[in-house]
Amino acid sequence: MKFSLGLSGLVGFYQKKYGSPEWRPVQSVQEADRYIESNAPLVQNTVVTVPIHQRNTSFQLKINSTSPFPVTLSSMTWEGNYSPRYYRRA
């Protein structure tokens, strides 16, 4: 899954399998950025890739931020393999 974030602070992604009581943190890679010391440490636009190797019907995903800064979620896209059931070759 790829999340497009606008003006945002620190964001965490958590995944839970169905039937499991605990949320596990999903490690995503964010590029380091620099900021002027008199300004807030916010990134203007970034795309975060969250790797998930499961079917979309077997997990839940939660986005959480404990930072006092705002979080702007612009869009979400996903990449995957699609195979229709009961395909019959003509």
PDB file of N, CA and C in Angstrom:
ATOM      1  N   MET A   1       0.847  -1.170   0.000  1.00  0.00           N
ATOM      2  CA  MET A   1       0.000   0.000   0.000  1.00  0.00           C
ATOM      3  C   MET A   1       0.893   1.235   0.000  1.00  0.00           C
ATOM      4  N   LYS A   2       0.482   2.214  -0.752  1.00  0.00           N
ATOM      5  CA  LYS A   2       1.233   3.467  -0.814  1.00  0.00           C
ATOM      6  C   LYS A   2       0.311   4.586  -0.357  1.00  0.00           C
ATOM      7  N   PHE A   3       0.740   5.318   0.654  1.00  0.00           N
ATOM      8  CA  PHE A   3      -0.033   6.415   1.212  1.00  0.00           C
ATOM      9  C   PHE A   3       0.637   7.722   0.833  1.00  0.00           C
ATOM     10  N   SER A   4      -0.139   8.636   0.281  1.00  0.00           N
ATOM     11  CA  SER A   4       0.344   9.968  -0.059  1.00  0.00           C
ATOM     12  C   SER A   4      -0.042  10.901   1.082  1.00  0.00           C
ATOM     13  N   LEU A   5       0.951  11.435   1.753  1.00  0.00           N
ATOM     14  CA  LEU A   5       0.729  12.307   2.908  1.00  0.00           C
ATOM     15  C   LEU A   5       1.081  13.739   2.535  1.00  0.00           C
ATOM     16  N   GLY A   6       0.242  14.666   2.941  1.00  0.00           N
ATOM     17  CA  GLY A   6       0.510  16.079   2.723  1.00  0.00           C
ATOM     18  C   GLY A   6       1.362  16.616   3.852  1.00  0.00           C
ATOM     19  N   LEU A   7       1.059  17.797   4.326  1.00  0.00           N
ATOM     20  CA  LEU A   7       1.792  18.418   5.429  1.00  0.00           C
ATOM     21  C   LEU A   7       1.578  17.577   6.683  1.00  0.00           C
ATOM     22  N   SER A   8       2.607  16.850   7.103  1.00  0.00           N
ATOM     23  CA  SER A   8       2.418  15.861   8.165  1.00  0.00           C
ATOM     24  C   SER A   8       3.598  15.784   9.100  1.00  0.00           C
ATOM     25  N   GLY A   9       3.291  15.334  10.304  1.00  0.00           N
ATOM     26  CA  GLY A   9       4.302  15.003  11.284  1.00  0.00           C
ATOM     27  C   GLY A   9       4.573  13.508  11.239  1.00  0.00           C
ATOM     28  N   LEU A  10       4.925  12.920  12.371  1.00  0.00           N
ATOM     29  CA  LEU A  10       5.241  11.504  12.462  1.00  0.00           C
ATOM     30  C   LEU A  10       3.969  10.665  12.403  1.00  0.00           C
ATOM     31  N   VAL A  11       3.982   9.591  11.581  1.00  0.00           N
ATOM     32  CA  VAL A  11       2.821   8.723  11.394  1.00  0.00           C
ATOM     33  C   VAL A  11       3.264   7.282  11.608  1.00  0.00           C
ATOM     34  N   GLY A  12       2.427   6.489  12.309  1.00  0.00           N
ATOM     35  CA  GLY A  12       2.707   5.076  12.506  1.00  0.00           C
ATOM     36  C   GLY A  12       1.630   4.211  11.883  1.00  0.00           C
ATOM     37  N   PHE A  13       2.014   3.058  11.368  1.00  0.00           N
ATOM     38  CA  PHE A  13       1.080   2.123  10.756  1.00  0.00           C
ATOM     39  C   PHE A  13       1.089   0.837  11.575  1.00  0.00           C
ATOM     40  N   TYR A  14      -0.104   0.320  11.876  1.00  0.00           N
ATOM     41  CA  TYR A  14      -0.238  -0.882  12.681  1.00  0.00           C
ATOM     42  C   TYR A  14      -1.143  -1.872  11.968  1.00  0.00           C
ATOM     43  N   GLN A  15      -0.793  -3.161  12.054  1.00  0.00           N
ATOM     44  CA  GLN A  15      -1.532  -4.211  11.370  1.00  0.00           C
ATOM     45  C   GLN A  15      -1.991  -5.252  12.387  1.00  0.00           C
ATOM     46  N   LYS A  16      -3.213  -5.770  12.174  1.00  0.00           N
ATOM     47  CA  LYS A  16      -3.752  -6.814  13.038  1.00  0.00           C
ATOM     48  C   LYS A  16      -4.383  -7.887  12.163  1.00  0.00           C
ATOM     49  N   LYS A  17      -3.967  -9.139  12.365  1.00  0.00           N
ATOM     50  CA  LYS A  17      -4.593 -10.244  11.655  1.00  0.00           C
ATOM     51  C   LYS A  17      -5.941 -10.526  12.286  1.00  0.00           C
ATOM     52  N   TYR A  18      -6.894 -10.975  11.480  1.00  0.00           N
ATOM     53  CA  TYR A  18      -8.191 -11.344  12.032  1.00  0.00           C
ATOM     54  C   TYR A  18      -8.025 -12.531  12.964  1.00  0.00           C
ATOM     55  N   GLY A  19      -8.622 -12.450  14.125  1.00  0.00           N
ATOM     56  CA  GLY A  19      -8.509 -13.493  15.129  1.00  0.00           C
ATOM     57  C   GLY A  19      -7.400 -13.236  16.130  1.00  0.00           C
ATOM     58  N   SER A  20      -6.541 -12.278  15.881  1.00  0.00           N
ATOM     59  CA  SER A  20      -5.450 -11.943  16.790  1.00  0.00           C
ATOM     60  C   SER A  20      -5.835 -10.718  17.608  1.00  0.00           C
ATOM     61  N   PRO A  21      -5.552 -10.719  18.916  1.00  0.00           N
ATOM     62  CA  PRO A  21      -5.946  -9.576  19.743  1.00  0.00           C
ATOM     63  C   PRO A  21      -4.969  -8.399  19.718  1.00  0.00           C
ATOM     64  N   GLU A  22      -3.776  -8.567  19.147  1.00  0.00           N
ATOM     65  CA  GLU A  22      -2.772  -7.513  19.252  1.00  0.00           C
ATOM     66  C   GLU A  22      -2.483  -6.833  17.915  1.00  0.00           C
ATOM     67  N   TRP A  23      -2.176  -5.543  18.011  1.00  0.00           N
ATOM     68  CA  TRP A  23      -1.766  -4.748  16.852  1.00  0.00           C
ATOM     69  C   TRP A  23      -0.248  -4.771  16.784  1.00  0.00           C
ATOM     70  N   ARG A  24       0.307  -5.032  15.611  1.00  0.00           N
ATOM     71  CA  ARG A  24       1.760  -5.049  15.427  1.00  0.00           C
ATOM     72  C   ARG A  24       2.172  -3.870  14.562  1.00  0.00           C
ATOM     73  N   PRO A  25       3.255  -3.202  14.935  1.00  0.00           N
ATOM     74  CA  PRO A  25       3.705  -2.073  14.105  1.00  0.00           C
ATOM     75  C   PRO A  25       4.285  -2.570  12.787  1.00  0.00           C
ATOM     76  N   VAL A  26       3.947  -1.887  11.712  1.00  0.00           N
ATOM     77  CA  VAL A  26       4.484  -2.190  10.385  1.00  0.00           C
ATOM     78  C   VAL A  26       5.585  -1.186  10.124  1.00  0.00           C
ATOM     79  N   GLN A  27       6.760  -1.675   9.820  1.00  0.00           N
ATOM     80  CA  GLN A  27       7.883  -0.781   9.592  1.00  0.00           C
ATOM     81  C   GLN A  27       7.812  -0.221   8.184  1.00  0.00           C
ATOM     82  N   SER A  28       7.792   1.074   8.076  1.00  0.00           N
ATOM     83  CA  SER A  28       7.823   1.725   6.775  1.00  0.00           C
ATOM     84  C   SER A  28       9.045   2.632   6.713  1.00  0.00           C
ATOM     85  N   VAL A  29       9.532   2.834   5.532  1.00  0.00           N
ATOM     86  CA  VAL A  29      10.739   3.637   5.347  1.00  0.00           C
ATOM     87  C   VAL A  29      10.329   5.059   4.990  1.00  0.00           C
ATOM     88  N   GLN A  30      10.798   5.996   5.789  1.00  0.00           N
ATOM     89  CA  GLN A  30      10.570   7.406   5.501  1.00  0.00           C
ATOM     90  C   GLN A  30      11.923   8.071   5.316  1.00  0.00           C
ATOM     91  N   GLU A  31      11.968   8.920   4.324  1.00  0.00           N
ATOM     92  CA  GLU A  31      13.219   9.613   4.059  1.00  0.00           C
ATOM     93  C   GLU A  31      13.479  10.665   5.136  1.00  0.00           C
ATOM     94  N   ALA A  32      14.743  10.761   5.527  1.00  0.00           N
ATOM     95  CA  ALA A  32      15.112  11.782   6.496  1.00  0.00           C
ATOM     96  C   ALA A  32      15.050  13.149   5.822  1.00  0.00           C
ATOM     97  N   ASP A  33      14.663  14.132   6.580  1.00  0.00           N
ATOM     98  CA  ASP A  33      14.549  15.475   6.035  1.00  0.00           C
ATOM     99  C   ASP A  33      15.190  16.430   7.020  1.00  0.00           C
ATOM    100  N   ARG A  34      15.439  17.617   6.600  1.00  0.00           N
ATOM    101  CA  ARG A  34      16.012  18.619   7.502  1.00  0.00           C
ATOM    102  C   ARG A  34      15.073  19.811   7.562  1.00  0.00           C
ATOM    103  N   TYR A  35      15.192  20.569   8.616  1.00  0.00           N
ATOM    104  CA  TYR A  35      14.345  21.737   8.783  1.00  0.00           C
ATOM    105  C   TYR A  35      15.109  22.802   9.545  1.00  0.00           C
ATOM    106  N   ILE A  36      14.658  24.021   9.406  1.00  0.00           N
ATOM    107  CA  ILE A  36      15.262  25.151  10.106  1.00  0.00           C
ATOM    108  C   ILE A  36      14.821  25.073  11.561  1.00  0.00           C
ATOM    109  N   GLU A  37      15.725  25.372  12.475  1.00  0.00           N
ATOM    110  CA  GLU A  37      15.430  25.142  13.899  1.00  0.00           C
ATOM    111  C   GLU A  37      14.295  25.999  14.454  1.00  0.00           C
ATOM    112  N   SER A  38      13.945  27.081  13.820  1.00  0.00           N
ATOM    113  CA  SER A  38      12.844  27.898  14.320  1.00  0.00           C
ATOM    114  C   SER A  38      11.496  27.472  13.737  1.00  0.00           C
ATOM    115  N   ASN A  39      11.488  26.490  12.826  1.00  0.00           N
ATOM    116  CA  ASN A  39      10.258  25.991  12.218  1.00  0.00           C
ATOM    117  C   ASN A  39       9.898  24.611  12.754  1.00  0.00           C
ATOM    118  N   ALA A  40       8.686  24.206  12.512  1.00  0.00           N
ATOM    119  CA  ALA A  40       8.236  22.878  12.932  1.00  0.00           C
ATOM    120  C   ALA A  40       8.786  21.810  11.983  1.00  0.00           C
ATOM    121  N   PRO A  41       9.074  20.595  12.505  1.00  0.00           N
ATOM    122  CA  PRO A  41       9.625  19.524  11.655  1.00  0.00           C
ATOM    123  C   PRO A  41       8.538  18.808  10.865  1.00  0.00           C
ATOM    124  N   LEU A  42       7.965  19.465   9.886  1.00  0.00           N
ATOM    125  CA  LEU A  42       6.907  18.888   9.063  1.00  0.00           C
ATOM    126  C   LEU A  42       7.406  18.699   7.635  1.00  0.00           C
ATOM    127  N   VAL A  43       6.968  17.631   7.003  1.00  0.00           N
ATOM    128  CA  VAL A  43       7.330  17.342   5.614  1.00  0.00           C
ATOM    129  C   VAL A  43       6.158  17.759   4.738  1.00  0.00           C
ATOM    130  N   GLN A  44       6.427  18.471   3.635  1.00  0.00           N
ATOM    131  CA  GLN A  44       5.355  18.976   2.776  1.00  0.00           C
ATOM    132  C   GLN A  44       4.583  17.848   2.099  1.00  0.00           C
ATOM    133  N   ASN A  45       5.233  17.066   1.265  1.00  0.00           N
ATOM    134  CA  ASN A  45       4.579  15.975   0.532  1.00  0.00           C
ATOM    135  C   ASN A  45       5.499  14.769   0.553  1.00  0.00           C
ATOM    136  N   THR A  46       4.939  13.617   0.860  1.00  0.00           N
ATOM    137  CA  THR A  46       5.720  12.383   0.852  1.00  0.00           C
ATOM    138  C   THR A  46       4.817  11.202   0.527  1.00  0.00           C
ATOM    139  N   VAL A  47       5.415  10.158  -0.021  1.00  0.00           N
ATOM    140  CA  VAL A  47       4.708   8.908  -0.294  1.00  0.00           C
ATOM    141  C   VAL A  47       5.359   7.828   0.547  1.00  0.00           C
ATOM    142  N   VAL A  48       4.563   7.181   1.400  1.00  0.00           N
ATOM    143  CA  VAL A  48       5.054   6.148   2.299  1.00  0.00           C
ATOM    144  C   VAL A  48       4.576   4.799   1.786  1.00  0.00           C
ATOM    145  N   THR A  49       5.493   3.854   1.641  1.00  0.00           N
ATOM    146  CA  THR A  49       5.151   2.506   1.194  1.00  0.00           C
ATOM    147  C   THR A  49       5.084   1.587   2.405  1.00  0.00           C
ATOM    148  N   VAL A  50       3.932   0.942   2.588  1.00  0.00           N
ATOM    149  CA  VAL A  50       3.727   0.005   3.694  1.00  0.00           C
ATOM    150  C   VAL A  50       3.639  -1.397   3.090  1.00  0.00           C
ATOM    151  N   PRO A  51       4.645  -2.266   3.343  1.00  0.00           N
ATOM    152  CA  PRO A  51       4.617  -3.599   2.746  1.00  0.00           C
ATOM    153  C   PRO A  51       3.668  -4.526   3.499  1.00  0.00           C
ATOM    154  N   ILE A  52       2.718  -5.114   2.778  1.00  0.00           N
ATOM    155  CA  ILE A  52       1.782  -6.080   3.362  1.00  0.00           C
ATOM    156  C   ILE A  52       1.735  -7.269   2.413  1.00  0.00           C
ATOM    157  N   HIS A  53       2.019  -8.443   2.947  1.00  0.00           N
ATOM    158  CA  HIS A  53       2.067  -9.648   2.128  1.00  0.00           C
ATOM    159  C   HIS A  53       0.948 -10.607   2.534  1.00  0.00           C
ATOM    160  N   GLN A  54      -0.283 -10.120   2.506  1.00  0.00           N
ATOM    161  CA  GLN A  54      -1.454 -10.917   2.866  1.00  0.00           C
ATOM    162  C   GLN A  54      -2.607 -10.526   1.970  1.00  0.00           C
ATOM    163  N   ARG A  55      -3.653 -11.353   2.008  1.00  0.00           N
ATOM    164  CA  ARG A  55      -4.873 -11.008   1.284  1.00  0.00           C
ATOM    165  C   ARG A  55      -5.540  -9.837   1.986  1.00  0.00           C
ATOM    166  N   ASN A  56      -6.304  -9.062   1.242  1.00  0.00           N
ATOM    167  CA  ASN A  56      -6.940  -7.884   1.827  1.00  0.00           C
ATOM    168  C   ASN A  56      -8.112  -8.243   2.728  1.00  0.00           C
ATOM    169  N   THR A  57      -8.517  -9.503   2.786  1.00  0.00           N
ATOM    170  CA  THR A  57      -9.623  -9.909   3.653  1.00  0.00           C
ATOM    171  C   THR A  57      -9.143 -10.535   4.956  1.00  0.00           C
ATOM    172  N   SER A  58      -7.827 -10.569   5.205  1.00  0.00           N
ATOM    173  CA  SER A  58      -7.327 -11.248   6.400  1.00  0.00           C
ATOM    174  C   SER A  58      -6.584 -10.339   7.371  1.00  0.00           C
ATOM    175  N   PHE A  59      -6.713  -9.032   7.232  1.00  0.00           N
ATOM    176  CA  PHE A  59      -6.034  -8.134   8.165  1.00  0.00           C
ATOM    177  C   PHE A  59      -6.776  -6.815   8.268  1.00  0.00           C
ATOM    178  N   GLN A  60      -6.430  -6.061   9.295  1.00  0.00           N
ATOM    179  CA  GLN A  60      -6.906  -4.686   9.472  1.00  0.00           C
ATOM    180  C   GLN A  60      -5.678  -3.796   9.567  1.00  0.00           C
ATOM    181  N   LEU A  61      -5.794  -2.569   9.072  1.00  0.00           N
ATOM    182  CA  LEU A  61      -4.693  -1.618   9.104  1.00  0.00           C
ATOM    183  C   LEU A  61      -5.147  -0.356   9.812  1.00  0.00           C
ATOM    184  N   LYS A  62      -4.307   0.125  10.719  1.00  0.00           N
ATOM    185  CA  LYS A  62      -4.636   1.329  11.489  1.00  0.00           C
ATOM    186  C   LYS A  62      -3.505   2.338  11.309  1.00  0.00           C
ATOM    187  N   ILE A  63      -3.881   3.600  11.090  1.00  0.00           N
ATOM    188  CA  ILE A  63      -2.909   4.689  10.979  1.00  0.00           C
ATOM    189  C   ILE A  63      -3.036   5.524  12.242  1.00  0.00           C
ATOM    190  N   ASN A  64      -1.907   5.741  12.922  1.00  0.00           N
ATOM    191  CA  ASN A  64      -1.939   6.433  14.203  1.00  0.00           C
ATOM    192  C   ASN A  64      -0.819   7.462  14.262  1.00  0.00           C
ATOM    193  N   SER A  65      -1.090   8.556  14.947  1.00  0.00           N
ATOM    194  CA  SER A  65      -0.080   9.580  15.151  1.00  0.00           C
ATOM    195  C   SER A  65      -0.166  10.067  16.591  1.00  0.00           C
ATOM    196  N   THR A  66       0.947   9.986  17.297  1.00  0.00           N
ATOM    197  CA  THR A  66       1.000  10.497  18.667  1.00  0.00           C
ATOM    198  C   THR A  66       1.691  11.853  18.723  1.00  0.00           C
ATOM    199  N   SER A  67       2.030  12.373  17.565  1.00  0.00           N
ATOM    200  CA  SER A  67       2.696  13.664  17.465  1.00  0.00           C
ATOM    201  C   SER A  67       1.674  14.791  17.629  1.00  0.00           C
ATOM    202  N   PRO A  68       2.068  15.916  18.198  1.00  0.00           N
ATOM    203  CA  PRO A  68       1.138  17.039  18.309  1.00  0.00           C
ATOM    204  C   PRO A  68       0.924  17.776  16.982  1.00  0.00           C
ATOM    205  N   PHE A  69       1.678  17.395  15.950  1.00  0.00           N
ATOM    206  CA  PHE A  69       1.555  18.050  14.658  1.00  0.00           C
ATOM    207  C   PHE A  69       0.445  17.410  13.843  1.00  0.00           C
ATOM    208  N   PRO A  70      -0.140  18.118  12.884  1.00  0.00           N
ATOM    209  CA  PRO A  70      -1.241  17.567  12.079  1.00  0.00           C
ATOM    210  C   PRO A  70      -0.746  16.508  11.093  1.00  0.00           C
ATOM    211  N   VAL A  71      -1.685  15.680  10.662  1.00  0.00           N
ATOM    212  CA  VAL A  71      -1.402  14.665   9.646  1.00  0.00           C
ATOM    213  C   VAL A  71      -2.425  14.837   8.522  1.00  0.00           C
ATOM    214  N   THR A  72      -1.970  14.894   7.284  1.00  0.00           N
ATOM    215  CA  THR A  72      -2.849  15.038   6.135  1.00  0.00           C
ATOM    216  C   THR A  72      -2.691  13.816   5.247  1.00  0.00           C
ATOM    217  N   LEU A  73      -3.752  13.019   5.139  1.00  0.00           N
ATOM    218  CA  LEU A  73      -3.744  11.839   4.278  1.00  0.00           C
ATOM    219  C   LEU A  73      -4.441  12.208   2.971  1.00  0.00           C
ATOM    220  N   SER A  74      -3.663  12.286   1.881  1.00  0.00           N
ATOM    221  CA  SER A  74      -4.217  12.715   0.603  1.00  0.00           C
ATOM    222  C   SER A  74      -4.826  11.557  -0.177  1.00  0.00           C
ATOM    223  N   SER A  75      -4.113  10.436  -0.288  1.00  0.00           N
ATOM    224  CA  SER A  75      -4.629   9.307  -1.053  1.00  0.00           C
ATOM    225  C   SER A  75      -3.947   8.018  -0.629  1.00  0.00           C
ATOM    226  N   MET A  76      -4.534   6.890  -1.059  1.00  0.00           N
ATOM    227  CA  MET A  76      -3.969   5.572  -0.822  1.00  0.00           C
ATOM    228  C   MET A  76      -4.126   4.758  -2.091  1.00  0.00           C
ATOM    229  N   THR A  77      -3.058   4.092  -2.516  1.00  0.00           N
ATOM    230  CA  THR A  77      -3.111   3.197  -3.659  1.00  0.00           C
ATOM    231  C   THR A  77      -2.507   1.862  -3.242  1.00  0.00           C
ATOM    232  N   TRP A  78      -2.802   0.828  -4.008  1.00  0.00           N
ATOM    233  CA  TRP A  78      -2.227  -0.476  -3.699  1.00  0.00           C
ATOM    234  C   TRP A  78      -1.796  -1.166  -4.979  1.00  0.00           C
ATOM    235  N   GLU A  79      -0.860  -2.075  -4.837  1.00  0.00           N
ATOM    236  CA  GLU A  79      -0.390  -2.883  -5.936  1.00  0.00           C
ATOM    237  C   GLU A  79      -0.618  -4.336  -5.552  1.00  0.00           C
ATOM    238  N   GLY A  80      -1.053  -5.137  -6.498  1.00  0.00           N
ATOM    239  CA  GLY A  80      -1.274  -6.536  -6.187  1.00  0.00           C
ATOM    240  C   GLY A  80      -1.538  -7.344  -7.433  1.00  0.00           C
ATOM    241  N   ASN A  81      -1.701  -8.628  -7.240  1.00  0.00           N
ATOM    242  CA  ASN A  81      -2.015  -9.540  -8.335  1.00  0.00           C
ATOM    243  C   ASN A  81      -3.507  -9.833  -8.308  1.00  0.00           C
ATOM    244  N   TYR A  82      -4.135  -9.731  -9.449  1.00  0.00           N
ATOM    245  CA  TYR A  82      -5.563  -9.996  -9.554  1.00  0.00           C
ATOM    246  C   TYR A  82      -5.764 -11.254 -10.383  1.00  0.00           C
ATOM    247  N   SER A  83      -6.510 -12.187  -9.850  1.00  0.00           N
ATOM    248  CA  SER A  83      -6.836 -13.382 -10.624  1.00  0.00           C
ATOM    249  C   SER A  83      -8.314 -13.694 -10.400  1.00  0.00           C
ATOM    250  N   PRO A  84      -9.122 -13.622 -11.461  1.00  0.00           N
ATOM    251  CA  PRO A  84     -10.546 -13.905 -11.312  1.00  0.00           C
ATOM    252  C   PRO A  84     -10.770 -15.393 -11.054  1.00  0.00           C
ATOM    253  N   ARG A  85     -11.734 -15.683 -10.215  1.00  0.00           N
ATOM    254  CA  ARG A  85     -12.059 -17.078  -9.922  1.00  0.00           C
ATOM    255  C   ARG A  85     -12.796 -17.700 -11.095  1.00  0.00           C
ATOM    256  N   TYR A  86     -12.670 -18.996 -11.179  1.00  0.00           N
ATOM    257  CA  TYR A  86     -13.397 -19.787 -12.173  1.00  0.00           C
ATOM    258  C   TYR A  86     -13.121 -19.304 -13.597  1.00  0.00           C
ATOM    259  N   TYR A  87     -11.884 -18.965 -13.873  1.00  0.00           N
ATOM    260  CA  TYR A  87     -11.489 -18.532 -15.218  1.00  0.00           C
ATOM    261  C   TYR A  87     -11.524 -19.732 -16.151  1.00  0.00           C
ATOM    262  N   ARG A  88     -12.150 -19.573 -17.265  1.00  0.00           N
ATOM    263  CA  ARG A  88     -12.238 -20.641 -18.245  1.00  0.00           C
ATOM    264  C   ARG A  88     -11.603 -20.153 -19.547  1.00  0.00           C
ATOM    265  N   ARG A  89     -10.632 -20.905 -20.034  1.00  0.00           N
ATOM    266  CA  ARG A  89      -9.940 -20.526 -21.271  1.00  0.00           C
ATOM    267  C   ARG A  89     -10.867 -20.776 -22.456  1.00  0.00           C
ATOM    268  N   ALA A  90     -10.958 -19.819 -23.355  1.00  0.00           N
ATOM    269  CA  ALA A  90     -11.862 -19.942 -24.508  1.00  0.00           C
ATOM    270  C   ALA A  90     -11.185 -20.590 -25.685  1.00  0.00           C
TER     271      ALA A  90
END
